[in-house]
Amino acid sequence: MIQGVFQIAASALSAEALRITLSSENLANTDSIASPEGGPYKRRVPLFTSRMVGGESSGPVGLGVATAAVLTDPSPARKEYDPANPLADGQGFVNKPNVNPVTEMVDILEASRVYQANLAAIESAKSAILSAINLLS
């Protein structure tokens, strides 16, 4: 049973670590107007799903988190007027990434808080195990 707490929290830690990584990549590419795929960088976001977790002998004990996919945000590119840029279109506009730095920072802060909450759950489970061991001693 207590092992399930560790497995559920560990799956959430992995999910939030991916979320932080993707938001950091998005922030790093805020000004990337040329990507290997062509056009400006496109914001990437994780898609999470639930999955059963549990021990092999005890069977499933609860729902954890799994990454279903990493999606590309379909929102349109920002347009910025810069006629001197070699990538500008006929009207002088350059397509910029669809990344909003404020949104990415909020996502990082939220993911960080969820990460901390799951670490606290692991610490609580560990303390409960140690208390039970001390009672038996």
N, C-alpha and C. Protein backbone atom coordinates (compact mmCIF):
# COMPACT_ATOMS: atom_id res chain seq x y z
N MET A 1 0.82 -1.19 0.00
CA MET A 1 0.00 0.00 0.00
C MET A 1 0.86 1.26 0.00
N ILE A 2 1.81 1.33 0.93
CA ILE A 2 2.64 2.54 1.02
C ILE A 2 3.54 2.67 -0.20
N GLN A 3 3.89 1.51 -0.81
CA GLN A 3 4.69 1.53 -2.02
C GLN A 3 3.93 2.24 -3.14
N GLY A 4 2.62 2.09 -3.16
CA GLY A 4 1.79 2.77 -4.15
C GLY A 4 1.89 4.28 -4.04
N VAL A 5 2.00 4.79 -2.82
CA VAL A 5 2.16 6.24 -2.62
C VAL A 5 3.44 6.71 -3.30
N PHE A 6 4.51 5.94 -3.13
CA PHE A 6 5.78 6.30 -3.76
C PHE A 6 5.67 6.25 -5.29
N GLN A 7 4.99 5.24 -5.81
CA GLN A 7 4.86 5.10 -7.26
C GLN A 7 3.98 6.20 -7.86
N ILE A 8 2.89 6.54 -7.19
CA ILE A 8 2.01 7.61 -7.67
C ILE A 8 2.75 8.93 -7.66
N ALA A 9 3.42 9.22 -6.55
CA ALA A 9 4.17 10.49 -6.45
C ALA A 9 5.31 10.53 -7.45
N ALA A 10 5.98 9.41 -7.66
CA ALA A 10 7.09 9.38 -8.63
C ALA A 10 6.59 9.64 -10.05
N SER A 11 5.42 9.11 -10.40
CA SER A 11 4.88 9.37 -11.73
C SER A 11 4.55 10.85 -11.90
N ALA A 12 4.04 11.47 -10.84
CA ALA A 12 3.73 12.90 -10.89
C ALA A 12 5.01 13.73 -10.96
N LEU A 13 6.05 13.30 -10.26
CA LEU A 13 7.34 14.01 -10.32
C LEU A 13 7.89 13.99 -11.74
N SER A 14 7.80 12.84 -12.40
CA SER A 14 8.29 12.74 -13.78
C SER A 14 7.49 13.63 -14.71
N ALA A 15 6.18 13.66 -14.52
CA ALA A 15 5.32 14.49 -15.38
C ALA A 15 5.64 15.97 -15.20
N GLU A 16 5.79 16.41 -13.96
CA GLU A 16 6.07 17.82 -13.71
C GLU A 16 7.48 18.20 -14.17
N ALA A 17 8.41 17.27 -14.08
CA ALA A 17 9.76 17.55 -14.58
C ALA A 17 9.71 17.78 -16.09
N LEU A 18 8.93 16.97 -16.80
CA LEU A 18 8.77 17.16 -18.25
C LEU A 18 8.12 18.50 -18.54
N ARG A 19 7.11 18.85 -17.77
CA ARG A 19 6.41 20.14 -17.95
C ARG A 19 7.36 21.31 -17.78
N ILE A 20 8.21 21.24 -16.76
CA ILE A 20 9.20 22.30 -16.52
C ILE A 20 10.20 22.36 -17.67
N THR A 21 10.64 21.18 -18.13
CA THR A 21 11.60 21.13 -19.24
C THR A 21 11.03 21.75 -20.51
N LEU A 22 9.79 21.40 -20.84
CA LEU A 22 9.18 21.93 -22.06
C LEU A 22 8.96 23.45 -21.96
N SER A 23 8.51 23.92 -20.80
CA SER A 23 8.32 25.36 -20.62
C SER A 23 9.65 26.09 -20.71
N SER A 24 10.71 25.49 -20.19
CA SER A 24 12.04 26.10 -20.28
C SER A 24 12.51 26.16 -21.73
N GLU A 25 12.27 25.08 -22.48
CA GLU A 25 12.62 25.08 -23.91
C GLU A 25 11.82 26.15 -24.66
N ASN A 26 10.54 26.27 -24.32
CA ASN A 26 9.71 27.30 -24.95
C ASN A 26 10.27 28.69 -24.67
N LEU A 27 10.65 28.94 -23.42
CA LEU A 27 11.23 30.24 -23.07
C LEU A 27 12.53 30.49 -23.82
N ALA A 28 13.35 29.46 -23.93
CA ALA A 28 14.64 29.60 -24.61
C ALA A 28 14.46 29.91 -26.09
N ASN A 29 13.33 29.53 -26.65
CA ASN A 29 13.09 29.73 -28.08
C ASN A 29 12.09 30.85 -28.38
N THR A 30 11.90 31.74 -27.43
CA THR A 30 10.95 32.84 -27.61
C THR A 30 11.25 33.68 -28.85
N ASP A 31 12.50 33.81 -29.23
CA ASP A 31 12.88 34.63 -30.37
C ASP A 31 13.40 33.81 -31.57
N SER A 32 13.18 32.50 -31.56
CA SER A 32 13.68 31.64 -32.65
C SER A 32 12.72 31.72 -33.84
N ILE A 33 13.11 32.50 -34.84
CA ILE A 33 12.21 32.70 -35.99
C ILE A 33 12.47 31.70 -37.12
N ALA A 34 13.49 30.88 -36.98
CA ALA A 34 13.77 29.85 -37.97
C ALA A 34 14.01 28.53 -37.24
N SER A 35 13.22 27.53 -37.57
CA SER A 35 13.35 26.22 -36.92
C SER A 35 13.70 25.18 -37.98
N PRO A 36 14.17 24.01 -37.56
CA PRO A 36 14.48 22.95 -38.53
C PRO A 36 13.26 22.52 -39.35
N GLU A 37 12.06 22.65 -38.76
CA GLU A 37 10.83 22.28 -39.46
C GLU A 37 10.42 23.34 -40.47
N GLY A 38 11.04 24.51 -40.41
CA GLY A 38 10.66 25.63 -41.25
C GLY A 38 9.73 26.56 -40.49
N GLY A 39 9.88 27.83 -40.67
CA GLY A 39 9.06 28.80 -39.96
C GLY A 39 9.55 29.01 -38.54
N PRO A 40 8.79 29.76 -37.76
CA PRO A 40 9.22 30.03 -36.38
C PRO A 40 9.04 28.80 -35.48
N TYR A 41 9.72 28.82 -34.36
CA TYR A 41 9.57 27.77 -33.35
C TYR A 41 8.11 27.72 -32.92
N LYS A 42 7.60 26.53 -32.67
CA LYS A 42 6.23 26.37 -32.19
C LYS A 42 6.26 25.84 -30.76
N ARG A 43 5.50 26.48 -29.92
CA ARG A 43 5.40 26.11 -28.51
C ARG A 43 5.02 24.64 -28.37
N ARG A 44 5.67 23.95 -27.43
CA ARG A 44 5.40 22.54 -27.16
C ARG A 44 4.79 22.39 -25.78
N VAL A 45 3.78 21.55 -25.68
CA VAL A 45 3.09 21.32 -24.40
C VAL A 45 2.89 19.82 -24.19
N PRO A 46 2.97 19.37 -22.93
CA PRO A 46 2.75 17.94 -22.67
C PRO A 46 1.26 17.63 -22.56
N LEU A 47 0.91 16.42 -22.92
CA LEU A 47 -0.46 15.93 -22.72
C LEU A 47 -0.33 14.73 -21.78
N PHE A 48 -0.96 14.86 -20.62
CA PHE A 48 -0.87 13.81 -19.61
C PHE A 48 -2.15 12.98 -19.59
N THR A 49 -1.99 11.75 -19.14
CA THR A 49 -3.12 10.85 -18.95
C THR A 49 -2.91 10.09 -17.65
N SER A 50 -3.94 9.44 -17.17
CA SER A 50 -3.79 8.65 -15.94
C SER A 50 -3.40 7.22 -16.31
N ARG A 51 -2.72 6.58 -15.37
CA ARG A 51 -2.36 5.17 -15.56
C ARG A 51 -2.35 4.49 -14.20
N MET A 52 -2.68 3.21 -14.21
CA MET A 52 -2.67 2.44 -12.97
C MET A 52 -1.24 2.17 -12.55
N VAL A 53 -0.98 2.31 -11.26
CA VAL A 53 0.33 1.97 -10.72
C VAL A 53 0.13 1.00 -9.57
N GLY A 54 1.16 0.25 -9.27
CA GLY A 54 1.07 -0.69 -8.17
C GLY A 54 2.16 -1.73 -8.25
N GLY A 55 2.24 -2.51 -7.22
CA GLY A 55 3.24 -3.57 -7.16
C GLY A 55 2.86 -4.75 -8.01
N GLU A 56 3.85 -5.55 -8.36
CA GLU A 56 3.59 -6.73 -9.18
C GLU A 56 2.74 -7.77 -8.42
N SER A 57 3.01 -7.95 -7.14
CA SER A 57 2.29 -8.98 -6.39
C SER A 57 0.95 -8.48 -5.87
N SER A 58 0.85 -7.19 -5.56
CA SER A 58 -0.38 -6.67 -4.95
C SER A 58 -1.39 -6.16 -5.97
N GLY A 59 -0.99 -6.04 -7.21
CA GLY A 59 -1.89 -5.51 -8.23
C GLY A 59 -1.93 -3.99 -8.18
N PRO A 60 -2.78 -3.37 -8.99
CA PRO A 60 -2.84 -1.91 -9.03
C PRO A 60 -3.32 -1.33 -7.70
N VAL A 61 -2.71 -0.21 -7.32
CA VAL A 61 -3.08 0.42 -6.05
C VAL A 61 -3.63 1.83 -6.23
N GLY A 62 -3.51 2.38 -7.41
CA GLY A 62 -4.03 3.73 -7.62
C GLY A 62 -3.69 4.26 -8.99
N LEU A 63 -4.11 5.49 -9.20
CA LEU A 63 -3.85 6.15 -10.49
C LEU A 63 -2.65 7.07 -10.39
N GLY A 64 -1.75 6.92 -11.33
CA GLY A 64 -0.60 7.80 -11.45
C GLY A 64 -0.73 8.63 -12.72
N VAL A 65 0.35 9.24 -13.12
CA VAL A 65 0.36 10.11 -14.29
C VAL A 65 1.31 9.53 -15.33
N ALA A 66 0.90 9.60 -16.59
CA ALA A 66 1.75 9.18 -17.70
C ALA A 66 1.70 10.25 -18.78
N THR A 67 2.77 10.37 -19.53
CA THR A 67 2.80 11.31 -20.64
C THR A 67 2.23 10.62 -21.87
N ALA A 68 1.12 11.15 -22.38
CA ALA A 68 0.50 10.59 -23.57
C ALA A 68 1.22 11.07 -24.83
N ALA A 69 1.60 12.35 -24.83
CA ALA A 69 2.26 12.92 -26.01
C ALA A 69 2.82 14.29 -25.67
N VAL A 70 3.70 14.76 -26.52
CA VAL A 70 4.14 16.15 -26.47
C VAL A 70 3.60 16.79 -27.74
N LEU A 71 2.71 17.75 -27.56
CA LEU A 71 2.01 18.36 -28.68
C LEU A 71 2.61 19.71 -29.05
N THR A 72 2.38 20.10 -30.28
CA THR A 72 2.77 21.42 -30.75
C THR A 72 1.54 22.31 -30.67
N ASP A 73 1.68 23.46 -30.04
CA ASP A 73 0.58 24.40 -29.88
C ASP A 73 0.15 24.91 -31.27
N PRO A 74 -1.13 24.74 -31.62
CA PRO A 74 -1.58 25.13 -32.97
C PRO A 74 -1.88 26.62 -33.12
N SER A 75 -1.73 27.40 -32.07
CA SER A 75 -2.05 28.83 -32.20
C SER A 75 -1.12 29.49 -33.21
N PRO A 76 -1.61 30.54 -33.86
CA PRO A 76 -0.81 31.17 -34.93
C PRO A 76 0.43 31.88 -34.39
N ALA A 77 1.39 32.05 -35.27
CA ALA A 77 2.61 32.77 -34.92
C ALA A 77 2.28 34.25 -34.70
N ARG A 78 3.08 34.90 -33.85
CA ARG A 78 2.94 36.35 -33.67
C ARG A 78 3.58 37.03 -34.88
N LYS A 79 3.01 38.12 -35.29
CA LYS A 79 3.59 38.88 -36.41
C LYS A 79 4.23 40.14 -35.84
N GLU A 80 5.46 40.39 -36.29
CA GLU A 80 6.19 41.58 -35.85
C GLU A 80 6.71 42.32 -37.08
N TYR A 81 6.51 43.61 -37.10
CA TYR A 81 6.94 44.41 -38.24
C TYR A 81 8.45 44.63 -38.16
N ASP A 82 9.18 44.11 -39.13
CA ASP A 82 10.63 44.25 -39.20
C ASP A 82 11.06 44.09 -40.67
N PRO A 83 10.85 45.14 -41.47
CA PRO A 83 11.11 45.02 -42.91
C PRO A 83 12.58 44.76 -43.24
N ALA A 84 13.51 45.07 -42.32
CA ALA A 84 14.93 44.86 -42.59
C ALA A 84 15.34 43.39 -42.42
N ASN A 85 14.51 42.60 -41.78
CA ASN A 85 14.83 41.20 -41.54
C ASN A 85 14.73 40.41 -42.85
N PRO A 86 15.72 39.57 -43.16
CA PRO A 86 15.67 38.80 -44.40
C PRO A 86 14.51 37.79 -44.44
N LEU A 87 13.94 37.45 -43.30
CA LEU A 87 12.81 36.52 -43.27
C LEU A 87 11.46 37.22 -43.31
N ALA A 88 11.45 38.54 -43.49
CA ALA A 88 10.19 39.29 -43.53
C ALA A 88 9.43 38.95 -44.81
N ASP A 89 8.09 38.98 -44.67
CA ASP A 89 7.26 38.72 -45.85
C ASP A 89 7.14 40.00 -46.70
N GLY A 90 6.30 39.98 -47.71
CA GLY A 90 6.16 41.11 -48.63
C GLY A 90 5.72 42.40 -47.96
N GLN A 91 4.98 42.31 -46.86
CA GLN A 91 4.53 43.51 -46.13
C GLN A 91 5.52 43.93 -45.04
N GLY A 92 6.61 43.19 -44.87
CA GLY A 92 7.62 43.53 -43.87
C GLY A 92 7.40 42.89 -42.51
N PHE A 93 6.53 41.91 -42.42
CA PHE A 93 6.26 41.24 -41.15
C PHE A 93 7.06 39.95 -41.04
N VAL A 94 7.54 39.69 -39.84
CA VAL A 94 8.27 38.46 -39.54
C VAL A 94 7.40 37.62 -38.60
N ASN A 95 7.28 36.33 -38.90
CA ASN A 95 6.55 35.42 -38.01
C ASN A 95 7.43 35.06 -36.83
N LYS A 96 6.90 35.33 -35.63
CA LYS A 96 7.62 35.03 -34.39
C LYS A 96 6.95 33.83 -33.71
N PRO A 97 7.67 33.14 -32.83
CA PRO A 97 7.08 31.98 -32.13
C PRO A 97 5.82 32.35 -31.36
N ASN A 98 4.94 31.37 -31.21
CA ASN A 98 3.69 31.55 -30.47
C ASN A 98 3.90 31.30 -28.97
N VAL A 99 5.00 31.78 -28.45
CA VAL A 99 5.38 31.58 -27.05
C VAL A 99 5.14 32.88 -26.29
N ASN A 100 4.38 32.78 -25.20
CA ASN A 100 4.16 33.92 -24.31
C ASN A 100 5.00 33.68 -23.06
N PRO A 101 6.04 34.50 -22.82
CA PRO A 101 6.91 34.27 -21.67
C PRO A 101 6.18 34.27 -20.32
N VAL A 102 5.13 35.07 -20.19
CA VAL A 102 4.38 35.10 -18.93
C VAL A 102 3.68 33.76 -18.70
N THR A 103 3.06 33.23 -19.73
CA THR A 103 2.40 31.92 -19.63
C THR A 103 3.40 30.84 -19.25
N GLU A 104 4.57 30.87 -19.86
CA GLU A 104 5.58 29.86 -19.58
C GLU A 104 6.08 29.96 -18.14
N MET A 105 6.27 31.18 -17.65
CA MET A 105 6.72 31.36 -16.26
C MET A 105 5.66 30.86 -15.27
N VAL A 106 4.40 31.14 -15.56
CA VAL A 106 3.32 30.65 -14.70
C VAL A 106 3.29 29.13 -14.71
N ASP A 107 3.45 28.53 -15.89
CA ASP A 107 3.49 27.06 -15.99
C ASP A 107 4.65 26.48 -15.18
N ILE A 108 5.80 27.13 -15.25
CA ILE A 108 6.97 26.65 -14.49
C ILE A 108 6.71 26.76 -12.99
N LEU A 109 6.14 27.88 -12.56
CA LEU A 109 5.85 28.04 -11.13
C LEU A 109 4.82 27.01 -10.65
N GLU A 110 3.78 26.80 -11.43
CA GLU A 110 2.76 25.82 -11.06
C GLU A 110 3.34 24.41 -11.00
N ALA A 111 4.11 24.04 -12.01
CA ALA A 111 4.73 22.72 -12.04
C ALA A 111 5.69 22.55 -10.86
N SER A 112 6.39 23.61 -10.52
CA SER A 112 7.31 23.57 -9.38
C SER A 112 6.57 23.32 -8.07
N ARG A 113 5.42 23.97 -7.91
CA ARG A 113 4.61 23.77 -6.69
C ARG A 113 4.07 22.34 -6.62
N VAL A 114 3.60 21.81 -7.74
CA VAL A 114 3.10 20.44 -7.77
C VAL A 114 4.24 19.46 -7.48
N TYR A 115 5.41 19.74 -8.02
CA TYR A 115 6.59 18.92 -7.77
C TYR A 115 6.90 18.91 -6.27
N GLN A 116 6.89 20.10 -5.64
CA GLN A 116 7.14 20.19 -4.20
C GLN A 116 6.09 19.44 -3.39
N ALA A 117 4.83 19.52 -3.81
CA ALA A 117 3.76 18.81 -3.09
C ALA A 117 3.96 17.30 -3.15
N ASN A 118 4.41 16.80 -4.29
CA ASN A 118 4.65 15.37 -4.40
C ASN A 118 5.87 14.93 -3.60
N LEU A 119 6.88 15.80 -3.54
CA LEU A 119 8.02 15.49 -2.66
C LEU A 119 7.57 15.44 -1.20
N ALA A 120 6.66 16.34 -0.82
CA ALA A 120 6.14 16.33 0.55
C ALA A 120 5.34 15.06 0.82
N ALA A 121 4.60 14.56 -0.17
CA ALA A 121 3.86 13.30 0.00
C ALA A 121 4.82 12.14 0.21
N ILE A 122 5.90 12.13 -0.54
CA ILE A 122 6.91 11.08 -0.37
C ILE A 122 7.53 11.17 1.02
N GLU A 123 7.84 12.36 1.45
CA GLU A 123 8.43 12.56 2.78
C GLU A 123 7.46 12.11 3.88
N SER A 124 6.18 12.41 3.72
CA SER A 124 5.18 11.98 4.70
C SER A 124 5.08 10.46 4.76
N ALA A 125 5.09 9.82 3.61
CA ALA A 125 5.03 8.35 3.57
C ALA A 125 6.27 7.75 4.23
N LYS A 126 7.41 8.37 3.96
CA LYS A 126 8.66 7.89 4.57
C LYS A 126 8.60 8.03 6.09
N SER A 127 8.08 9.16 6.56
CA SER A 127 7.95 9.37 8.01
C SER A 127 7.00 8.37 8.64
N ALA A 128 5.91 8.04 7.94
CA ALA A 128 4.95 7.06 8.45
C ALA A 128 5.61 5.69 8.58
N ILE A 129 6.40 5.33 7.59
CA ILE A 129 7.11 4.04 7.64
C ILE A 129 8.09 4.02 8.81
N LEU A 130 8.84 5.09 8.98
CA LEU A 130 9.81 5.15 10.08
C LEU A 130 9.11 5.12 11.44
N SER A 131 7.96 5.78 11.54
CA SER A 131 7.20 5.75 12.80
C SER A 131 6.70 4.34 13.10
N ALA A 132 6.25 3.64 12.07
CA ALA A 132 5.77 2.25 12.26
C ALA A 132 6.92 1.35 12.69
N ILE A 133 8.08 1.55 12.10
CA ILE A 133 9.25 0.75 12.47
C ILE A 133 9.64 1.01 13.92
N ASN A 134 9.60 2.30 14.32
CA ASN A 134 9.93 2.65 15.70
C ASN A 134 8.95 2.07 16.69
N LEU A 135 7.66 1.97 16.32
CA LEU A 135 6.67 1.35 17.21
C LEU A 135 6.93 -0.13 17.40
N LEU A 136 7.45 -0.77 16.38
CA LEU A 136 7.72 -2.21 16.45
C LEU A 136 9.00 -2.51 17.21
N SER A 137 9.86 -1.52 17.38
CA SER A 137 11.14 -1.75 18.05
C SER A 137 11.00 -1.78 19.54
